[in-house]
């Protein structure tokens, strides 16, 4: 199950460097590629606005 980024994203970019597989790309909000995401949760842990969560 991949993570997803909500509209709460502030566009700070801190999540990009935390992703070990490069699944996050710039956008508005940033986008997580579900096919690449390994569901490690690193991005969610670093997000200052709690905009990243497990996709249901």
N, C-alpha and C. Protein backbone atom coordinates (compact mmCIF):
# COMPACT_ATOMS: atom_id res chain seq x y z
N UNK A 1 0.85 -1.17 0.00
CA UNK A 1 0.00 0.00 0.00
C UNK A 1 0.90 1.24 0.00
N UNK A 2 0.68 2.11 -0.90
CA UNK A 2 1.48 3.34 -1.02
C UNK A 2 0.95 4.43 -0.10
N UNK A 3 1.78 5.41 0.13
CA UNK A 3 1.37 6.60 0.87
C UNK A 3 0.84 7.64 -0.12
N UNK A 4 0.14 8.63 0.38
CA UNK A 4 -0.41 9.68 -0.46
C UNK A 4 -0.20 11.03 0.22
N UNK A 5 -0.15 12.08 -0.57
CA UNK A 5 0.07 13.43 -0.05
C UNK A 5 -1.19 14.25 -0.27
N UNK A 6 -1.69 14.85 0.80
CA UNK A 6 -2.93 15.64 0.72
C UNK A 6 -2.65 17.09 0.35
N UNK A 7 -3.71 17.85 0.23
CA UNK A 7 -3.60 19.27 -0.09
C UNK A 7 -2.99 20.08 1.05
N UNK A 8 -2.80 19.46 2.20
CA UNK A 8 -2.14 20.13 3.33
C UNK A 8 -0.66 20.33 3.07
N UNK A 9 -0.13 19.73 2.03
CA UNK A 9 1.29 19.82 1.67
C UNK A 9 1.70 21.28 1.50
N UNK A 10 2.78 21.66 2.19
CA UNK A 10 3.28 23.03 2.12
C UNK A 10 4.33 23.19 1.02
N UNK A 11 4.69 22.12 0.35
CA UNK A 11 5.67 22.19 -0.73
C UNK A 11 7.09 22.43 -0.26
N UNK A 12 7.41 22.01 0.96
CA UNK A 12 8.75 22.26 1.51
C UNK A 12 9.81 21.35 0.91
N UNK A 13 9.42 20.17 0.44
CA UNK A 13 10.36 19.25 -0.19
C UNK A 13 11.12 18.34 0.76
N UNK A 14 10.86 18.43 2.04
CA UNK A 14 11.62 17.61 2.98
C UNK A 14 11.39 16.11 2.77
N UNK A 15 10.26 15.74 2.24
CA UNK A 15 9.96 14.33 2.03
C UNK A 15 10.79 13.71 0.90
N UNK A 16 11.14 14.49 -0.08
CA UNK A 16 11.87 13.96 -1.24
C UNK A 16 13.18 13.29 -0.82
N UNK A 17 13.94 13.94 0.03
CA UNK A 17 15.22 13.39 0.46
C UNK A 17 15.09 12.20 1.38
N UNK A 18 13.92 12.01 1.98
CA UNK A 18 13.70 10.88 2.89
C UNK A 18 13.27 9.61 2.17
N UNK A 19 12.85 9.72 0.92
CA UNK A 19 12.37 8.55 0.19
C UNK A 19 13.54 7.74 -0.37
N UNK A 20 13.72 6.50 0.11
CA UNK A 20 14.86 5.70 -0.33
C UNK A 20 14.75 5.18 -1.77
N UNK A 21 13.55 5.24 -2.35
CA UNK A 21 13.35 4.72 -3.70
C UNK A 21 13.00 5.81 -4.72
N UNK A 22 13.01 7.06 -4.30
CA UNK A 22 12.73 8.17 -5.22
C UNK A 22 11.31 8.20 -5.75
N UNK A 23 10.35 7.81 -4.92
CA UNK A 23 8.96 7.73 -5.37
C UNK A 23 8.23 9.07 -5.34
N UNK A 24 8.84 10.11 -4.76
CA UNK A 24 8.16 11.39 -4.61
C UNK A 24 8.67 12.39 -5.64
N UNK A 25 7.74 13.06 -6.30
CA UNK A 25 8.11 14.08 -7.29
C UNK A 25 7.37 15.37 -7.01
N UNK A 26 7.92 16.46 -7.52
CA UNK A 26 7.31 17.77 -7.30
C UNK A 26 5.99 17.87 -8.03
N UNK A 27 5.09 18.60 -7.43
CA UNK A 27 3.77 18.84 -7.99
C UNK A 27 3.04 19.76 -7.04
N UNK A 28 1.77 19.88 -7.20
CA UNK A 28 0.99 20.72 -6.30
C UNK A 28 -0.27 19.97 -5.89
N UNK A 29 -0.28 19.22 -4.82
CA UNK A 29 0.83 18.95 -3.92
C UNK A 29 1.83 17.97 -4.54
N UNK A 30 2.89 17.69 -3.81
CA UNK A 30 3.86 16.70 -4.27
C UNK A 30 3.12 15.39 -4.53
N UNK A 31 3.72 14.50 -5.32
CA UNK A 31 3.06 13.26 -5.73
C UNK A 31 3.93 12.07 -5.36
N UNK A 32 3.31 11.01 -4.86
CA UNK A 32 4.01 9.77 -4.58
C UNK A 32 3.58 8.74 -5.61
N UNK A 33 4.56 8.17 -6.32
CA UNK A 33 4.29 7.14 -7.32
C UNK A 33 3.95 5.85 -6.59
N UNK A 34 2.72 5.41 -6.68
CA UNK A 34 2.25 4.22 -5.97
C UNK A 34 2.96 2.95 -6.42
N UNK A 35 3.41 2.91 -7.66
CA UNK A 35 4.10 1.72 -8.16
C UNK A 35 5.52 1.61 -7.62
N UNK A 36 6.10 2.73 -7.20
CA UNK A 36 7.47 2.75 -6.69
C UNK A 36 7.53 2.74 -5.17
N UNK A 37 6.55 3.33 -4.52
CA UNK A 37 6.52 3.46 -3.07
C UNK A 37 6.57 2.09 -2.40
N UNK A 38 7.46 1.95 -1.40
CA UNK A 38 7.59 0.70 -0.66
C UNK A 38 6.89 0.75 0.68
N UNK A 39 6.16 1.82 0.96
CA UNK A 39 5.38 1.99 2.19
C UNK A 39 6.26 1.99 3.43
N UNK A 40 7.46 2.57 3.32
CA UNK A 40 8.38 2.60 4.46
C UNK A 40 7.96 3.62 5.51
N UNK A 41 7.26 4.69 5.11
CA UNK A 41 6.78 5.70 6.04
C UNK A 41 7.77 6.79 6.39
N UNK A 42 8.96 6.77 5.80
CA UNK A 42 9.96 7.81 6.08
C UNK A 42 9.42 9.20 5.77
N UNK A 43 8.71 9.32 4.68
CA UNK A 43 8.18 10.62 4.26
C UNK A 43 7.16 11.15 5.26
N UNK A 44 6.29 10.28 5.73
CA UNK A 44 5.26 10.69 6.69
C UNK A 44 5.87 11.16 7.99
N UNK A 45 6.96 10.52 8.39
CA UNK A 45 7.61 10.88 9.64
C UNK A 45 8.29 12.23 9.61
N UNK A 46 8.70 12.69 8.44
CA UNK A 46 9.43 13.96 8.31
C UNK A 46 8.52 15.13 7.92
N UNK A 47 7.32 14.87 7.47
CA UNK A 47 6.42 15.92 6.98
C UNK A 47 5.98 16.86 8.11
N UNK A 48 6.32 18.15 8.00
CA UNK A 48 5.97 19.10 9.06
C UNK A 48 4.49 19.45 9.15
N UNK A 49 3.72 19.15 8.10
CA UNK A 49 2.29 19.47 8.12
C UNK A 49 1.42 18.23 8.24
N UNK A 50 2.04 17.07 8.41
CA UNK A 50 1.31 15.79 8.49
C UNK A 50 0.42 15.57 7.28
N UNK A 51 0.91 15.96 6.11
CA UNK A 51 0.14 15.85 4.88
C UNK A 51 0.26 14.48 4.23
N UNK A 52 1.14 13.64 4.73
CA UNK A 52 1.38 12.33 4.14
C UNK A 52 0.80 11.25 5.03
N UNK A 53 0.03 10.35 4.40
CA UNK A 53 -0.57 9.26 5.17
C UNK A 53 -0.64 8.01 4.29
N UNK A 54 -0.88 6.88 4.95
CA UNK A 54 -1.05 5.63 4.22
C UNK A 54 -2.32 5.71 3.39
N UNK A 55 -2.23 5.30 2.15
CA UNK A 55 -3.38 5.32 1.26
C UNK A 55 -4.32 4.20 1.65
N UNK A 56 -5.58 4.51 1.74
CA UNK A 56 -6.55 3.48 2.13
C UNK A 56 -7.31 2.94 0.96
